[in-house]
Amino acid sequence: MKRRLVFSLGLLSCLLFSVQAFAIQYGDPKAGAEKFQDKGCVNCHREGGHSTVPTFPILAGQPSDYLVHALKQYKEGKRENPIMQGQASGLSESDIYDIAEYLSQQSTSLAIVPGIE
């Protein structure tokens, strides 16, 4: 009886944590497209994040969670780049999620190398 109770509680805990994982809020890609233009991101990273300049990374097709993480780090000063720190400082939380979602849905010209994750 005790084992069954412990097992049931463990299973319930796993279910609660998995439900929480699916509750992650994603941004609005349509709003992100507008914000990408309005906030000036397009000036360096080009339309849809398809930069052709080596100093400005290609953002198209990057995972949204990576982009959110990077933008938050720039905003908090944890990543050092004066241009990006200035740009990110003016972004709200919803701006960051919307722009990241928009960029993640763009096709990419980046090559995927087998075996490297």
N, C-alpha and C. Protein backbone atom coordinates (compact mmCIF):
# COMPACT_ATOMS: atom_id res chain seq x y z
N MET A 1 0.83 -1.20 0.00
CA MET A 1 0.00 0.00 0.00
C MET A 1 0.87 1.26 0.00
N LYS A 2 1.94 1.24 0.81
CA LYS A 2 2.82 2.39 0.91
C LYS A 2 3.53 2.64 -0.41
N ARG A 3 3.98 1.55 -1.06
CA ARG A 3 4.65 1.69 -2.36
C ARG A 3 3.71 2.30 -3.40
N ARG A 4 2.49 1.83 -3.39
CA ARG A 4 1.52 2.32 -4.36
C ARG A 4 1.26 3.82 -4.15
N LEU A 5 1.20 4.26 -2.91
CA LEU A 5 1.00 5.68 -2.61
C LEU A 5 2.19 6.50 -3.07
N VAL A 6 3.39 6.04 -2.78
CA VAL A 6 4.61 6.75 -3.20
C VAL A 6 4.67 6.80 -4.72
N PHE A 7 4.39 5.69 -5.37
CA PHE A 7 4.40 5.65 -6.83
C PHE A 7 3.37 6.62 -7.40
N SER A 8 2.18 6.63 -6.84
CA SER A 8 1.11 7.51 -7.32
C SER A 8 1.48 8.98 -7.15
N LEU A 9 2.07 9.31 -6.01
CA LEU A 9 2.50 10.69 -5.79
C LEU A 9 3.61 11.09 -6.75
N GLY A 10 4.53 10.17 -7.01
CA GLY A 10 5.60 10.42 -7.96
C GLY A 10 5.06 10.64 -9.36
N LEU A 11 4.13 9.81 -9.75
CA LEU A 11 3.51 9.94 -11.07
C LEU A 11 2.75 11.26 -11.19
N LEU A 12 2.04 11.63 -10.16
CA LEU A 12 1.30 12.88 -10.15
C LEU A 12 2.25 14.07 -10.27
N SER A 13 3.38 14.01 -9.58
CA SER A 13 4.38 15.08 -9.66
C SER A 13 4.90 15.22 -11.09
N CYS A 14 5.20 14.09 -11.72
CA CYS A 14 5.69 14.12 -13.11
C CYS A 14 4.66 14.74 -14.04
N LEU A 15 3.42 14.40 -13.87
CA LEU A 15 2.36 14.95 -14.71
C LEU A 15 2.22 16.45 -14.51
N LEU A 16 2.31 16.90 -13.29
CA LEU A 16 2.19 18.33 -13.02
C LEU A 16 3.33 19.11 -13.66
N PHE A 17 4.55 18.58 -13.58
CA PHE A 17 5.68 19.27 -14.18
C PHE A 17 5.60 19.26 -15.70
N SER A 18 5.11 18.17 -16.29
CA SER A 18 4.99 18.12 -17.74
C SER A 18 3.91 19.07 -18.25
N VAL A 19 2.83 19.22 -17.51
CA VAL A 19 1.79 20.18 -17.88
C VAL A 19 2.34 21.59 -17.83
N GLN A 20 3.16 21.88 -16.83
CA GLN A 20 3.77 23.20 -16.72
C GLN A 20 4.68 23.47 -17.91
N ALA A 21 5.38 22.47 -18.40
CA ALA A 21 6.27 22.65 -19.54
C ALA A 21 5.49 23.04 -20.79
N PHE A 22 4.27 22.53 -20.94
CA PHE A 22 3.46 22.87 -22.11
C PHE A 22 2.79 24.23 -21.96
N ALA A 23 2.85 24.82 -20.80
CA ALA A 23 2.20 26.10 -20.56
C ALA A 23 3.10 27.28 -20.92
N ILE A 24 4.26 27.01 -21.51
CA ILE A 24 5.18 28.08 -21.88
C ILE A 24 4.51 28.97 -22.92
N GLN A 25 4.61 30.26 -22.70
CA GLN A 25 3.98 31.20 -23.62
C GLN A 25 4.97 31.57 -24.72
N TYR A 26 4.50 31.48 -25.94
CA TYR A 26 5.32 31.86 -27.07
C TYR A 26 4.86 33.19 -27.60
N GLY A 27 5.71 33.83 -28.37
CA GLY A 27 5.37 35.13 -28.92
C GLY A 27 4.46 35.02 -30.14
N ASP A 28 4.04 36.17 -30.60
CA ASP A 28 3.18 36.30 -31.77
C ASP A 28 4.06 36.65 -32.98
N PRO A 29 4.22 35.74 -33.93
CA PRO A 29 5.11 36.00 -35.06
C PRO A 29 4.67 37.18 -35.93
N LYS A 30 3.37 37.40 -36.05
CA LYS A 30 2.89 38.54 -36.86
C LYS A 30 3.30 39.86 -36.19
N ALA A 31 3.10 39.94 -34.88
CA ALA A 31 3.52 41.14 -34.15
C ALA A 31 5.04 41.26 -34.19
N GLY A 32 5.72 40.11 -34.13
CA GLY A 32 7.18 40.11 -34.18
C GLY A 32 7.72 40.66 -35.48
N ALA A 33 7.05 40.37 -36.59
CA ALA A 33 7.48 40.89 -37.89
C ALA A 33 7.40 42.42 -37.91
N GLU A 34 6.32 42.95 -37.35
CA GLU A 34 6.16 44.41 -37.29
C GLU A 34 7.20 45.03 -36.36
N LYS A 35 7.42 44.40 -35.22
CA LYS A 35 8.39 44.92 -34.25
C LYS A 35 9.81 44.84 -34.79
N PHE A 36 10.12 43.78 -35.54
CA PHE A 36 11.44 43.63 -36.15
C PHE A 36 11.74 44.83 -37.06
N GLN A 37 10.71 45.29 -37.77
CA GLN A 37 10.85 46.48 -38.62
C GLN A 37 10.91 47.75 -37.77
N ASP A 38 9.92 47.91 -36.90
CA ASP A 38 9.76 49.15 -36.13
C ASP A 38 10.92 49.42 -35.18
N LYS A 39 11.47 48.38 -34.59
CA LYS A 39 12.55 48.55 -33.61
C LYS A 39 13.91 48.70 -34.27
N GLY A 40 13.98 48.59 -35.60
CA GLY A 40 15.22 48.81 -36.33
C GLY A 40 16.10 47.59 -36.48
N CYS A 41 15.62 46.42 -36.08
CA CYS A 41 16.42 45.19 -36.19
C CYS A 41 16.80 44.92 -37.65
N VAL A 42 15.88 45.27 -38.54
CA VAL A 42 16.05 45.02 -39.97
C VAL A 42 17.24 45.80 -40.55
N ASN A 43 17.62 46.89 -39.91
CA ASN A 43 18.72 47.71 -40.42
C ASN A 43 20.04 46.94 -40.47
N CYS A 44 20.28 46.08 -39.50
CA CYS A 44 21.52 45.31 -39.46
C CYS A 44 21.32 43.85 -39.90
N HIS A 45 20.23 43.26 -39.44
CA HIS A 45 20.02 41.83 -39.68
C HIS A 45 19.24 41.55 -40.96
N ARG A 46 18.81 42.59 -41.63
CA ARG A 46 18.11 42.51 -42.91
C ARG A 46 16.74 41.86 -42.81
N GLU A 47 16.02 41.92 -43.90
CA GLU A 47 14.65 41.40 -43.96
C GLU A 47 14.60 39.94 -43.54
N GLY A 48 13.75 39.64 -42.58
CA GLY A 48 13.57 38.27 -42.12
C GLY A 48 14.75 37.68 -41.38
N GLY A 49 15.74 38.52 -41.03
CA GLY A 49 16.91 38.03 -40.31
C GLY A 49 17.96 37.40 -41.21
N HIS A 50 17.91 37.71 -42.52
CA HIS A 50 18.82 37.12 -43.50
C HIS A 50 20.00 38.05 -43.77
N SER A 51 20.81 38.29 -42.75
CA SER A 51 21.97 39.16 -42.89
C SER A 51 22.96 38.61 -43.90
N THR A 52 23.60 39.53 -44.63
CA THR A 52 24.65 39.14 -45.57
C THR A 52 26.00 39.70 -45.12
N VAL A 53 26.01 40.37 -43.97
CA VAL A 53 27.23 40.98 -43.45
C VAL A 53 27.75 40.11 -42.30
N PRO A 54 28.99 39.67 -42.36
CA PRO A 54 29.52 38.76 -41.34
C PRO A 54 29.45 39.29 -39.90
N THR A 55 29.51 40.59 -39.72
CA THR A 55 29.46 41.14 -38.36
C THR A 55 28.06 41.13 -37.76
N PHE A 56 27.04 40.93 -38.59
CA PHE A 56 25.66 40.85 -38.11
C PHE A 56 25.15 39.43 -38.37
N PRO A 57 24.92 38.65 -37.33
CA PRO A 57 24.56 37.24 -37.51
C PRO A 57 23.22 37.03 -38.23
N ILE A 58 23.14 35.91 -38.92
CA ILE A 58 21.89 35.47 -39.52
C ILE A 58 21.00 34.97 -38.38
N LEU A 59 19.84 35.57 -38.24
CA LEU A 59 18.91 35.20 -37.17
C LEU A 59 17.77 34.32 -37.65
N ALA A 60 17.54 34.31 -38.95
CA ALA A 60 16.45 33.52 -39.52
C ALA A 60 16.64 32.05 -39.20
N GLY A 61 15.57 31.43 -38.68
CA GLY A 61 15.60 30.01 -38.41
C GLY A 61 16.24 29.60 -37.10
N GLN A 62 16.74 30.56 -36.34
CA GLN A 62 17.32 30.23 -35.04
C GLN A 62 16.19 29.85 -34.08
N PRO A 63 16.44 28.95 -33.14
CA PRO A 63 15.40 28.57 -32.18
C PRO A 63 14.95 29.77 -31.34
N SER A 64 13.65 29.90 -31.14
CA SER A 64 13.13 31.06 -30.42
C SER A 64 13.67 31.13 -28.99
N ASP A 65 13.84 29.99 -28.32
CA ASP A 65 14.35 30.04 -26.95
C ASP A 65 15.78 30.56 -26.90
N TYR A 66 16.58 30.25 -27.91
CA TYR A 66 17.94 30.79 -27.99
C TYR A 66 17.89 32.31 -28.18
N LEU A 67 17.04 32.77 -29.08
CA LEU A 67 16.94 34.20 -29.35
C LEU A 67 16.44 34.97 -28.13
N VAL A 68 15.45 34.40 -27.44
CA VAL A 68 14.94 35.04 -26.21
C VAL A 68 16.07 35.15 -25.19
N HIS A 69 16.79 34.05 -25.01
CA HIS A 69 17.88 34.03 -24.04
C HIS A 69 18.94 35.09 -24.39
N ALA A 70 19.33 35.14 -25.66
CA ALA A 70 20.36 36.09 -26.09
C ALA A 70 19.89 37.53 -25.90
N LEU A 71 18.66 37.83 -26.31
CA LEU A 71 18.16 39.20 -26.17
C LEU A 71 18.07 39.62 -24.70
N LYS A 72 17.64 38.71 -23.85
CA LYS A 72 17.57 39.03 -22.42
C LYS A 72 18.96 39.27 -21.85
N GLN A 73 19.94 38.50 -22.30
CA GLN A 73 21.31 38.70 -21.82
C GLN A 73 21.86 40.05 -22.28
N TYR A 74 21.57 40.44 -23.50
CA TYR A 74 21.99 41.77 -23.96
C TYR A 74 21.31 42.85 -23.12
N LYS A 75 20.03 42.70 -22.89
CA LYS A 75 19.27 43.68 -22.12
C LYS A 75 19.81 43.82 -20.70
N GLU A 76 20.20 42.70 -20.10
CA GLU A 76 20.70 42.70 -18.72
C GLU A 76 22.20 43.03 -18.65
N GLY A 77 22.85 43.21 -19.80
CA GLY A 77 24.27 43.53 -19.81
C GLY A 77 25.18 42.33 -19.60
N LYS A 78 24.64 41.13 -19.71
CA LYS A 78 25.44 39.91 -19.51
C LYS A 78 26.21 39.53 -20.78
N ARG A 79 25.75 40.02 -21.91
CA ARG A 79 26.49 39.86 -23.17
C ARG A 79 26.96 41.26 -23.55
N GLU A 80 28.23 41.35 -23.90
CA GLU A 80 28.79 42.66 -24.19
C GLU A 80 28.84 42.93 -25.69
N ASN A 81 28.00 43.83 -26.10
CA ASN A 81 27.99 44.36 -27.46
C ASN A 81 27.22 45.67 -27.37
N PRO A 82 27.91 46.80 -27.50
CA PRO A 82 27.25 48.09 -27.29
C PRO A 82 26.02 48.32 -28.17
N ILE A 83 26.08 47.86 -29.40
CA ILE A 83 24.94 48.06 -30.31
C ILE A 83 23.75 47.25 -29.83
N MET A 84 23.98 45.96 -29.56
CA MET A 84 22.87 45.10 -29.15
C MET A 84 22.37 45.44 -27.75
N GLN A 85 23.25 45.86 -26.87
CA GLN A 85 22.80 46.26 -25.53
C GLN A 85 21.86 47.46 -25.64
N GLY A 86 22.21 48.40 -26.52
CA GLY A 86 21.35 49.56 -26.73
C GLY A 86 20.02 49.19 -27.36
N GLN A 87 20.06 48.31 -28.34
CA GLN A 87 18.83 47.88 -29.00
C GLN A 87 17.93 47.10 -28.05
N ALA A 88 18.51 46.15 -27.32
CA ALA A 88 17.73 45.29 -26.43
C ALA A 88 17.17 46.05 -25.24
N SER A 89 17.85 47.10 -24.83
CA SER A 89 17.38 47.85 -23.65
C SER A 89 16.00 48.45 -23.87
N GLY A 90 15.63 48.71 -25.11
CA GLY A 90 14.33 49.29 -25.42
C GLY A 90 13.24 48.27 -25.70
N LEU A 91 13.56 46.98 -25.56
CA LEU A 91 12.57 45.94 -25.84
C LEU A 91 11.85 45.49 -24.57
N SER A 92 10.55 45.36 -24.68
CA SER A 92 9.77 44.81 -23.57
C SER A 92 9.86 43.29 -23.63
N GLU A 93 9.35 42.64 -22.59
CA GLU A 93 9.32 41.17 -22.54
C GLU A 93 8.53 40.62 -23.74
N SER A 94 7.38 41.22 -24.04
CA SER A 94 6.57 40.72 -25.17
C SER A 94 7.26 41.01 -26.50
N ASP A 95 7.98 42.13 -26.61
CA ASP A 95 8.74 42.41 -27.83
C ASP A 95 9.75 41.30 -28.09
N ILE A 96 10.45 40.91 -27.05
CA ILE A 96 11.49 39.88 -27.17
C ILE A 96 10.87 38.56 -27.64
N TYR A 97 9.78 38.15 -27.01
CA TYR A 97 9.14 36.88 -27.39
C TYR A 97 8.56 36.94 -28.80
N ASP A 98 7.96 38.06 -29.16
CA ASP A 98 7.36 38.20 -30.49
C ASP A 98 8.43 38.17 -31.58
N ILE A 99 9.50 38.93 -31.40
CA ILE A 99 10.57 38.98 -32.39
C ILE A 99 11.24 37.61 -32.51
N ALA A 100 11.49 36.98 -31.39
CA ALA A 100 12.12 35.65 -31.40
C ALA A 100 11.25 34.63 -32.14
N GLU A 101 9.95 34.67 -31.90
CA GLU A 101 9.05 33.73 -32.57
C GLU A 101 9.01 33.99 -34.07
N TYR A 102 8.97 35.25 -34.45
CA TYR A 102 8.98 35.62 -35.87
C TYR A 102 10.23 35.08 -36.56
N LEU A 103 11.39 35.35 -35.96
CA LEU A 103 12.65 34.93 -36.57
C LEU A 103 12.78 33.41 -36.63
N SER A 104 12.30 32.73 -35.61
CA SER A 104 12.43 31.27 -35.59
C SER A 104 11.62 30.61 -36.70
N GLN A 105 10.60 31.30 -37.18
CA GLN A 105 9.75 30.74 -38.23
C GLN A 105 10.22 31.07 -39.65
N GLN A 106 11.30 31.85 -39.74
CA GLN A 106 11.83 32.20 -41.06
C GLN A 106 12.71 31.07 -41.58
N SER A 107 12.71 30.89 -42.89
CA SER A 107 13.60 29.88 -43.48
C SER A 107 15.03 30.37 -43.31
N THR A 108 15.95 29.44 -43.23
CA THR A 108 17.35 29.81 -43.00
C THR A 108 18.23 29.33 -44.13
N SER A 109 19.33 30.03 -44.30
CA SER A 109 20.30 29.62 -45.30
C SER A 109 21.51 28.97 -44.61
N LEU A 110 21.41 28.81 -43.28
CA LEU A 110 22.49 28.19 -42.54
C LEU A 110 22.53 26.70 -42.82
N ALA A 111 23.72 26.17 -42.98
CA ALA A 111 23.88 24.73 -43.22
C ALA A 111 23.79 23.98 -41.91
N ILE A 112 23.14 22.84 -41.93
CA ILE A 112 23.07 21.98 -40.77
C ILE A 112 24.10 20.87 -40.96
N VAL A 113 25.03 20.80 -40.03
CA VAL A 113 26.10 19.81 -40.13
C VAL A 113 25.68 18.56 -39.36
N PRO A 114 25.62 17.41 -40.05
CA PRO A 114 25.21 16.17 -39.37
C PRO A 114 26.15 15.85 -38.20
N GLY A 115 25.56 15.44 -37.08
CA GLY A 115 26.34 15.04 -35.92
C GLY A 115 26.70 16.16 -34.99
N ILE A 116 26.43 17.40 -35.38
CA ILE A 116 26.71 18.54 -34.50
C ILE A 116 25.38 19.11 -34.05
N GLU A 117 25.21 19.19 -32.75
CA GLU A 117 23.95 19.70 -32.19
C GLU A 117 24.19 20.97 -31.43
